[in-house]
Amino acid sequence: MIRCVECKGKGLCGLPRCPIVSRFHAQAAALAKPSASYQGSSPSVFIGSFGYPDVRGGPLMVNDSDNPPDWLKRNLGMDEIVGIRARTLRGSSALTSVAGDLQEIALSSVPLDVDVSFERPVSFSLTFDGTMAPVGMTGSVKTLDVIGSARVERVVDRITSDTDLPATEACVALAHESVDVYQVSKLMTAGLLGKRRKFVPTRWAITAVDDTVSTNLKKEIARNAPIEEILVFSGEVFGNRIACILVPGDWRYEMVEVWGAHTLWGGEEEMIVQDREGMKKQGYSPITGAYYSARLAVCEYLDRIRRCARVIVVRSVSNEYWAPLGTWVIREATRKAMAAPPLVFPTLDAAVAHTVLVIGSDSWVHHSTLIPELRTQRTLGQFF
C-alpha cells in the first residue's frame, strides 16, 4: 500500500481491483440501473486513453449537471455527487462514426439532448481515474443522434474556428476571456483546439489545460511586484483541507500532500508526497493532477491582485473523503481558500505554525524544501 498516494487506483500494486475504492463500488452500484438505450441530456463528452492514439469515445450522458462548481453551488454532499456519477453513462464508439456529434456536444454552452442505443444492455461498470470524476456505466454505442443544435458562445466560436491558432495559445485565449477550465478541457478533449486537431483523452486534457493556463499565468505573475506581507489562506471541500502560505518574493511554488492513515490513499500509515518548481517545471509531478489544479487556483488569485509570491500549498486529506471524485476537488478547494480573507503574519515561522494548526499535524513541515530555503535566504535589501 506504500505507493497508494502516487498510484491513486491505477493498479500499480498488481491487484485485479484497487481495494481502496471497493466502498465506492459498493455504494454506487446500488444506484445504477441497466439500460439498452438512453434518451436525455448529454452535458459533456468522454475520450478514453486506452490504446492511444487509436482511442474510443462518446457522449457523457446524465440528466443532471456535469459541472463541479455547479455541484458545490447546490451544496451537494459526497453521497449526492456519487449518486449523480453512478447514474452517468459513458458512450464508447470508434471516433470516426461519432466525431461530429461529439464536437457539437462539446461546443454547446447548454447540454444537448441525445438519443442513443447500445450494442447490448449496459450495467454498472465503474470507470475510475484519480484525475476525472468517476463514471458508473459504460456502453458500446450502436447509434447516436443529437437532438437540436449547439448554442455556442461567441468567444468559443471565434477561437475554435481559428485553425491557425496553436492549442496552447487557444487555451490561454479562452481562459483570458473568462471561459473556465472545465469548458476549455471539454473543447480540447473533443479535438476543437489547435492547428493539427485530434481528440485528446479526457484525463490528459484536464491536466494539460490546468498546466497550460497556469504556466501562462505564472509568466504574467513574474512581471508583477511581490506581495508585501506573509499571508495564509485556508479552505476545505469534502475532507480536503487546503492551506496556502504566500511569502513576498519571486515566483516559487511547492505543494505538500498529506494523506492520513486509513484515508482513501493513505493505507495503514500517513503518506506524504511533495513537489516544487521555479519558473520552469521539470517532469511530471508525483502528486499528479492535483499539483497543477492547486497551482492554477493560486495563479488565478495572484493574477487577479497583480502580485507575485513564493507559494507553499499544503493539502491534508481526512477519511471524510471516502470516494475518488477527481482533481476538480483540489482545484475548487484551493479556489475556495484563495477567495477567503487571508491572515497576515509577521514571520514565516508564525505562518507555518498557524498552518500546522489548520492542517492538524506538523509532519508535513520537514518534507518541505522551500521552507528551509526561505528561512536562510537573504534578500538584496538586507545587505544594505
Protein backbone atom coordinates (compact mmCIF):
# COMPACT_ATOMS: atom_id res chain seq x y z
CA MET A 1 0.00 0.00 0.00
CA ILE A 2 3.02 2.30 0.18
CA ARG A 3 2.56 3.58 -3.37
CA CYS A 4 -1.15 4.39 -2.98
CA VAL A 5 -0.61 8.16 -2.88
CA GLU A 6 1.17 8.09 -6.23
CA CYS A 7 -0.90 5.25 -7.74
CA LYS A 8 -4.42 6.56 -6.94
CA GLY A 9 -6.16 3.45 -8.27
CA LYS A 10 -4.09 2.83 -11.39
CA GLY A 11 -3.27 -0.72 -10.24
CA LEU A 12 0.47 -0.37 -9.55
CA CYS A 13 0.10 -2.90 -6.71
CA GLY A 14 -0.79 -5.62 -9.23
CA LEU A 15 -4.15 -6.47 -7.67
CA PRO A 16 -7.07 -7.03 -10.09
CA ARG A 17 -9.05 -4.20 -8.49
CA CYS A 18 -7.97 -1.42 -6.15
CA PRO A 19 -9.15 -2.45 -2.67
CA ILE A 20 -9.39 1.16 -1.55
CA VAL A 21 -12.21 2.00 -3.97
CA SER A 22 -14.32 -1.03 -3.03
CA ARG A 23 -16.53 1.15 -0.81
CA PHE A 24 -17.27 3.37 -3.78
CA HIS A 25 -18.15 0.31 -5.87
CA ALA A 26 -20.49 -0.97 -3.19
CA GLN A 27 -22.36 2.31 -2.69
CA ALA A 28 -22.52 3.41 -6.32
CA ALA A 29 -23.53 0.04 -7.82
CA ALA A 30 -26.84 0.16 -5.99
CA LEU A 31 -27.73 3.44 -7.76
CA ALA A 32 -27.02 2.34 -11.34
CA LYS A 33 -29.73 0.76 -13.49
CA PRO A 34 -29.09 -1.43 -16.58
CA SER A 35 -30.33 0.00 -19.89
CA ALA A 36 -30.17 -0.75 -23.62
CA SER A 37 -30.89 2.82 -24.68
CA TYR A 38 -30.78 6.38 -23.43
CA GLN A 39 -32.86 9.43 -24.26
CA GLY A 40 -31.96 12.59 -22.43
CA SER A 41 -29.28 15.14 -21.69
CA SER A 42 -25.61 14.89 -22.67
CA PRO A 43 -23.71 17.67 -20.88
CA SER A 44 -20.25 16.55 -21.95
CA VAL A 45 -18.08 14.06 -23.84
CA PHE A 46 -15.50 11.47 -22.81
CA ILE A 47 -12.45 10.21 -24.68
CA GLY A 48 -10.57 7.21 -23.28
CA SER A 49 -6.80 6.81 -23.25
CA PHE A 50 -6.53 3.02 -23.73
CA GLY A 51 -4.76 2.12 -26.99
CA TYR A 52 -3.80 5.73 -27.79
CA PRO A 53 -3.76 7.07 -30.49
CA ASP A 54 -6.46 4.59 -31.59
CA VAL A 55 -8.89 5.60 -28.84
CA ARG A 56 -12.63 5.35 -28.37
CA GLY A 57 -15.06 7.91 -27.02
CA GLY A 58 -18.64 9.00 -26.80
CA PRO A 59 -21.15 11.26 -25.10
CA LEU A 60 -21.32 11.52 -21.33
CA MET A 61 -25.00 11.08 -20.50
CA VAL A 62 -26.89 12.05 -17.36
CA ASN A 63 -29.98 14.14 -16.73
CA ASP A 64 -28.04 16.34 -14.35
CA SER A 65 -25.05 18.69 -14.33
CA ASP A 66 -21.52 17.62 -15.23
CA ASN A 67 -20.08 20.84 -13.80
CA PRO A 68 -18.34 20.59 -10.39
CA PRO A 69 -18.75 24.29 -9.47
CA ASP A 70 -22.48 23.81 -10.02
CA TRP A 71 -22.48 20.82 -7.62
CA LEU A 72 -20.86 22.98 -4.96
CA LYS A 73 -23.25 25.89 -5.55
CA ARG A 74 -26.11 23.46 -4.97
CA ASN A 75 -24.44 22.35 -1.70
CA LEU A 76 -24.44 18.72 -2.81
CA GLY A 77 -22.77 16.27 -0.45
CA MET A 78 -20.41 13.49 -1.50
CA ASP A 79 -23.21 10.91 -1.39
CA GLU A 80 -25.28 13.02 -3.79
CA ILE A 81 -22.36 13.53 -6.19
CA VAL A 82 -21.60 9.80 -6.10
CA GLY A 83 -25.26 9.23 -6.96
CA ILE A 84 -25.02 11.54 -9.99
CA ARG A 85 -21.84 9.84 -11.19
CA ALA A 86 -23.28 6.35 -10.63
CA ARG A 87 -26.19 7.26 -12.95
CA THR A 88 -23.81 8.74 -15.52
CA LEU A 89 -23.41 6.72 -18.73
CA ARG A 90 -20.29 6.88 -20.86
CA GLY A 91 -20.79 6.03 -24.51
CA SER A 92 -17.97 4.21 -26.27
CA SER A 93 -17.53 4.13 -30.03
CA ALA A 94 -14.92 4.40 -32.75
CA LEU A 95 -14.43 8.15 -33.16
CA THR A 96 -14.85 8.11 -36.93
CA SER A 97 -18.57 7.43 -36.57
CA VAL A 98 -19.38 9.96 -33.83
CA ALA A 99 -16.77 12.74 -34.21
CA GLY A 100 -19.13 15.45 -35.48
CA ASP A 101 -21.78 14.73 -32.84
CA LEU A 102 -19.23 14.79 -30.02
CA GLN A 103 -17.83 18.12 -31.18
CA GLU A 104 -21.32 19.62 -31.32
CA ILE A 105 -21.97 18.47 -27.74
CA ALA A 106 -18.63 19.90 -26.57
CA LEU A 107 -19.22 23.26 -28.26
CA SER A 108 -22.64 23.85 -26.77
CA SER A 109 -22.92 26.11 -23.72
CA VAL A 110 -26.08 24.23 -22.72
CA PRO A 111 -26.47 20.43 -22.60
CA LEU A 112 -27.86 18.89 -25.78
CA ASP A 113 -30.34 16.03 -25.80
CA VAL A 114 -29.27 12.76 -27.40
CA ASP A 115 -30.94 9.54 -28.44
CA VAL A 116 -28.56 6.60 -28.05
CA SER A 117 -28.96 2.85 -28.50
CA PHE A 118 -26.33 0.41 -27.26
CA GLU A 119 -24.98 -2.82 -28.66
CA ARG A 120 -26.19 -4.60 -25.51
CA PRO A 121 -27.78 -3.57 -22.20
CA VAL A 122 -25.28 -1.73 -20.05
CA SER A 123 -24.84 -2.29 -16.34
CA PHE A 124 -22.71 -0.85 -13.58
CA SER A 125 -19.04 -0.84 -14.53
CA LEU A 126 -17.04 1.83 -12.74
CA THR A 127 -14.69 3.88 -14.88
CA PHE A 128 -12.31 5.33 -12.32
CA ASP A 129 -9.38 7.67 -12.66
CA GLY A 130 -7.83 9.85 -9.98
CA THR A 131 -7.93 12.86 -12.31
CA MET A 132 -11.54 12.68 -13.50
CA ALA A 133 -14.87 12.36 -11.76
CA PRO A 134 -15.82 8.65 -11.87
CA VAL A 135 -18.48 7.26 -14.21
CA GLY A 136 -20.88 4.50 -13.22
CA MET A 137 -21.73 2.84 -16.54
CA THR A 138 -20.16 2.33 -19.93
CA GLY A 139 -21.91 1.12 -23.08
CA SER A 140 -20.85 0.44 -26.68
CA VAL A 141 -22.80 2.85 -28.87
CA LYS A 142 -24.83 1.38 -31.72
CA THR A 143 -26.50 4.60 -32.87
CA LEU A 144 -26.16 8.21 -31.71
CA ASP A 145 -28.48 11.06 -32.67
CA VAL A 146 -28.03 14.59 -31.35
CA ILE A 147 -31.35 16.40 -30.95
CA GLY A 148 -31.26 20.13 -31.53
CA SER A 149 -28.37 22.45 -32.32
CA ALA A 150 -25.48 23.65 -30.20
CA ARG A 151 -25.68 27.07 -28.58
CA VAL A 152 -22.13 28.37 -28.91
CA GLU A 153 -20.72 31.38 -27.07
CA ARG A 154 -19.22 33.98 -29.39
CA VAL A 155 -15.70 33.78 -27.95
CA VAL A 156 -15.75 29.96 -28.13
CA ASP A 157 -16.91 30.08 -31.74
CA ARG A 158 -14.20 32.60 -32.64
CA ILE A 159 -11.31 30.69 -31.08
CA THR A 160 -12.38 27.19 -32.13
CA SER A 161 -12.86 28.45 -35.69
CA ASP A 162 -9.26 29.70 -35.85
CA THR A 163 -7.35 26.71 -37.25
CA ASP A 164 -4.09 28.74 -37.37
CA LEU A 165 -4.04 29.21 -33.59
CA PRO A 166 -1.88 26.65 -31.71
CA ALA A 167 -3.67 24.67 -28.99
CA THR A 168 -1.62 26.25 -26.19
CA GLU A 169 -2.48 29.77 -27.35
CA ALA A 170 -6.13 28.78 -27.78
CA CYS A 171 -6.31 27.53 -24.16
CA VAL A 172 -4.74 30.76 -22.91
CA ALA A 173 -7.03 32.92 -25.05
CA LEU A 174 -10.15 31.13 -23.80
CA ALA A 175 -9.06 31.45 -20.16
CA HIS A 176 -8.27 35.16 -20.73
CA GLU A 177 -11.86 35.57 -21.95
CA SER A 178 -13.13 34.01 -18.68
CA VAL A 179 -14.04 30.65 -20.19
CA ASP A 180 -13.48 28.31 -17.24
CA VAL A 181 -11.08 25.39 -17.45
CA TYR A 182 -13.95 22.88 -17.37
CA GLN A 183 -15.22 24.17 -20.72
CA VAL A 184 -11.69 24.52 -22.12
CA SER A 185 -10.93 20.89 -21.21
CA LYS A 186 -14.10 19.79 -22.96
CA LEU A 187 -13.09 21.63 -26.13
CA MET A 188 -9.59 20.17 -26.02
CA THR A 189 -10.75 16.59 -25.49
CA ALA A 190 -13.16 16.95 -28.43
CA GLY A 191 -10.34 17.96 -30.78
CA LEU A 192 -11.56 21.53 -31.27
CA LEU A 193 -8.33 23.40 -30.48
CA GLY A 194 -5.03 23.77 -32.30
CA LYS A 195 -3.65 23.57 -35.83
CA ARG A 196 -3.47 19.79 -36.17
CA ARG A 197 -6.69 18.83 -34.47
CA LYS A 198 -7.22 15.48 -32.84
CA PHE A 199 -9.23 14.03 -30.00
CA VAL A 200 -7.37 14.04 -26.68
CA PRO A 201 -8.05 11.55 -23.84
CA THR A 202 -10.15 13.35 -21.26
CA ARG A 203 -7.82 12.67 -18.32
CA TRP A 204 -4.90 14.14 -20.30
CA ALA A 205 -6.90 17.18 -21.37
CA ILE A 206 -7.87 18.08 -17.79
CA THR A 207 -4.28 18.24 -16.54
CA ALA A 208 -2.99 19.75 -19.81
CA VAL A 209 -5.40 22.67 -19.50
CA ASP A 210 -4.59 23.26 -15.81
CA ASP A 211 -0.89 23.17 -16.66
CA THR A 212 -1.12 25.31 -19.80
CA VAL A 213 -3.27 28.06 -18.28
CA SER A 214 -1.31 28.27 -15.01
CA THR A 215 2.07 28.20 -16.81
CA ASN A 216 0.99 31.25 -18.81
CA LEU A 217 -0.35 32.96 -15.68
CA LYS A 218 2.89 32.47 -13.76
CA LYS A 219 4.79 34.18 -16.59
CA GLU A 220 2.47 37.16 -16.17
CA ILE A 221 2.75 36.98 -12.38
CA ALA A 222 6.57 37.02 -12.54
CA ARG A 223 6.41 40.53 -14.05
CA ASN A 224 4.48 41.88 -11.05
CA ALA A 225 5.77 43.33 -7.79
CA PRO A 226 5.87 40.87 -4.86
CA ILE A 227 3.19 40.89 -2.21
CA GLU A 228 4.17 42.95 0.84
CA GLU A 229 3.14 40.65 3.70
CA ILE A 230 3.17 36.95 4.57
CA LEU A 231 -0.35 35.62 4.05
CA VAL A 232 -2.07 32.34 4.87
CA PHE A 233 -5.28 31.24 3.16
CA SER A 234 -7.31 28.15 4.02
CA GLY A 235 -10.38 26.29 2.81
CA GLU A 236 -11.89 22.81 2.72
CA VAL A 237 -14.05 20.71 0.40
CA PHE A 238 -15.12 17.14 1.29
CA GLY A 239 -12.33 16.47 3.77
CA ASN A 240 -9.69 18.06 1.53
CA ARG A 241 -8.21 20.83 3.68
CA ILE A 242 -6.03 23.34 1.84
CA ALA A 243 -3.64 25.85 3.39
CA CYS A 244 -1.70 28.28 1.19
CA ILE A 245 1.27 30.24 2.52
CA LEU A 246 2.23 33.23 0.37
CA VAL A 247 5.60 34.86 1.05
CA PRO A 248 6.98 38.02 -0.63
CA GLY A 249 9.46 37.20 -3.41
CA ASP A 250 9.82 35.97 -6.94
CA TRP A 251 7.72 33.03 -8.17
CA ARG A 252 8.33 29.71 -6.45
CA TYR A 253 5.72 27.01 -5.91
CA GLU A 254 5.69 23.97 -3.67
CA MET A 255 2.93 21.52 -2.83
CA VAL A 256 2.92 19.03 0.03
CA GLU A 257 0.13 16.46 0.05
CA VAL A 258 -0.72 14.64 3.31
CA TRP A 259 -2.93 11.53 3.33
CA GLY A 260 -3.84 10.49 6.86
CA ALA A 261 -3.73 6.86 7.97
CA HIS A 262 -6.76 4.85 6.80
CA THR A 263 -7.83 7.57 4.38
CA LEU A 264 -8.63 6.89 0.72
CA TRP A 265 -4.99 6.54 -0.40
CA GLY A 266 -3.28 6.63 2.98
CA GLY A 267 -3.01 2.93 3.83
CA GLU A 268 -2.03 1.89 7.35
CA GLU A 269 0.24 4.88 7.89
CA GLU A 270 0.19 8.55 6.99
CA MET A 271 1.54 9.19 3.49
CA ILE A 272 3.19 12.42 2.35
CA VAL A 273 4.33 13.42 -1.14
CA GLN A 274 5.99 16.71 -2.15
CA ASP A 275 7.00 18.55 -5.32
CA ARG A 276 8.12 22.05 -6.25
CA GLU A 277 9.20 24.33 -9.10
CA GLY A 278 10.61 27.69 -10.05
CA MET A 279 9.78 29.38 -13.33
CA LYS A 280 10.21 26.03 -15.10
CA LYS A 281 8.80 22.65 -14.09
CA GLN A 282 10.97 19.60 -14.61
CA GLY A 283 9.00 16.46 -15.43
CA TYR A 284 5.50 15.39 -14.43
CA SER A 285 4.66 15.86 -10.76
CA PRO A 286 4.48 12.77 -8.49
CA ILE A 287 1.43 14.46 -6.93
CA THR A 288 -0.16 14.06 -10.39
CA GLY A 289 -3.07 16.27 -11.48
CA ALA A 290 -3.72 17.76 -8.03
CA TYR A 291 -0.40 19.64 -8.24
CA TYR A 292 -1.48 21.52 -11.37
CA SER A 293 -5.07 22.09 -10.20
CA ALA A 294 -3.91 23.75 -6.98
CA ARG A 295 -1.27 25.75 -8.86
CA LEU A 296 -3.94 27.08 -11.23
CA ALA A 297 -6.12 28.33 -8.37
CA VAL A 298 -3.19 30.15 -6.70
CA CYS A 299 -2.09 31.67 -10.02
CA GLU A 300 -5.63 32.90 -10.68
CA TYR A 301 -5.53 34.76 -7.36
CA LEU A 302 -2.09 36.31 -7.88
CA ASP A 303 -3.01 37.36 -11.40
CA ARG A 304 -6.21 38.93 -10.07
CA ILE A 305 -4.34 41.06 -7.49
CA ARG A 306 -1.41 41.72 -9.90
CA ARG A 307 1.24 40.49 -7.47
CA CYS A 308 3.95 37.82 -7.29
CA ALA A 309 4.80 35.48 -4.40
CA ARG A 310 6.54 32.36 -3.23
CA VAL A 311 3.83 29.80 -2.55
CA ILE A 312 3.54 26.73 -0.35
CA VAL A 313 0.31 24.75 -0.72
CA VAL A 314 -0.44 22.05 1.84
CA ARG A 315 -3.26 19.62 1.19
CA SER A 316 -4.45 17.41 4.04
CA VAL A 317 -6.94 14.63 3.28
CA SER A 318 -9.11 13.12 6.00
CA ASN A 319 -11.20 9.94 5.91
CA GLU A 320 -14.23 12.12 5.20
CA TYR A 321 -13.03 11.95 1.59
CA TRP A 322 -14.13 8.34 1.06
CA ALA A 323 -14.68 8.33 -2.72
CA PRO A 324 -12.29 9.41 -5.51
CA LEU A 325 -14.03 12.35 -7.20
CA GLY A 326 -11.19 13.75 -9.32
CA THR A 327 -8.78 16.67 -9.22
CA TRP A 328 -11.62 19.18 -9.51
CA VAL A 329 -11.99 18.78 -5.72
CA ILE A 330 -8.46 20.16 -5.18
CA ARG A 331 -8.99 22.93 -7.72
CA GLU A 332 -12.22 24.08 -6.06
CA ALA A 333 -10.89 23.66 -2.51
CA THR A 334 -7.90 25.85 -3.39
CA ARG A 335 -10.13 28.38 -5.16
CA LYS A 336 -12.30 28.45 -2.04
CA ALA A 337 -9.22 29.06 0.10
CA MET A 338 -7.95 31.86 -2.12
CA ALA A 339 -11.40 33.53 -2.12
CA ALA A 340 -11.46 33.76 1.69
CA PRO A 341 -9.83 36.67 3.56
CA PRO A 342 -6.20 35.74 4.43
CA LEU A 343 -4.50 36.00 7.79
CA VAL A 344 -1.37 38.18 7.95
CA PHE A 345 1.74 37.01 9.84
CA PRO A 346 4.90 38.88 10.82
CA THR A 347 7.25 35.95 10.16
CA LEU A 348 7.40 32.76 8.12
CA ASP A 349 7.65 30.67 11.29
CA ALA A 350 4.42 32.20 12.59
CA ALA A 351 2.70 31.43 9.27
CA VAL A 352 3.99 27.83 9.36
CA ALA A 353 2.83 27.43 12.97
CA HIS A 354 -0.66 28.58 12.01
CA THR A 355 -0.68 26.25 9.01
CA VAL A 356 0.21 23.34 11.33
CA LEU A 357 -2.93 24.18 13.32
CA VAL A 358 -5.05 24.36 10.16
CA ILE A 359 -3.73 21.04 8.83
CA GLY A 360 -3.83 19.40 12.26
CA SER A 361 -0.30 18.00 12.01
CA ASP A 362 3.30 19.17 11.74
CA SER A 363 4.56 16.03 9.97
CA TRP A 364 4.49 17.77 6.60
CA VAL A 365 6.88 20.56 7.62
CA HIS A 366 10.12 18.57 7.31
CA HIS A 367 9.05 17.38 3.84
CA SER A 368 9.10 20.96 2.57
CA THR A 369 12.30 22.09 0.85
CA LEU A 370 11.06 25.63 0.28
CA ILE A 371 10.53 26.47 3.96
CA PRO A 372 14.22 25.99 4.98
CA GLU A 373 15.28 27.83 1.84
CA LEU A 374 13.07 30.79 2.74
CA ARG A 375 14.37 30.77 6.31
CA THR A 376 18.01 31.07 5.24
CA GLN A 377 17.81 33.08 2.04
CA ARG A 378 18.59 36.78 2.35
CA THR A 379 17.26 39.46 0.03
CA LEU A 380 19.43 42.11 -1.66
CA GLY A 381 17.90 44.77 0.57
CA GLN A 382 19.20 43.04 3.70
CA PHE A 383 22.79 43.68 2.59
CA PHE A 384 22.33 47.46 2.71
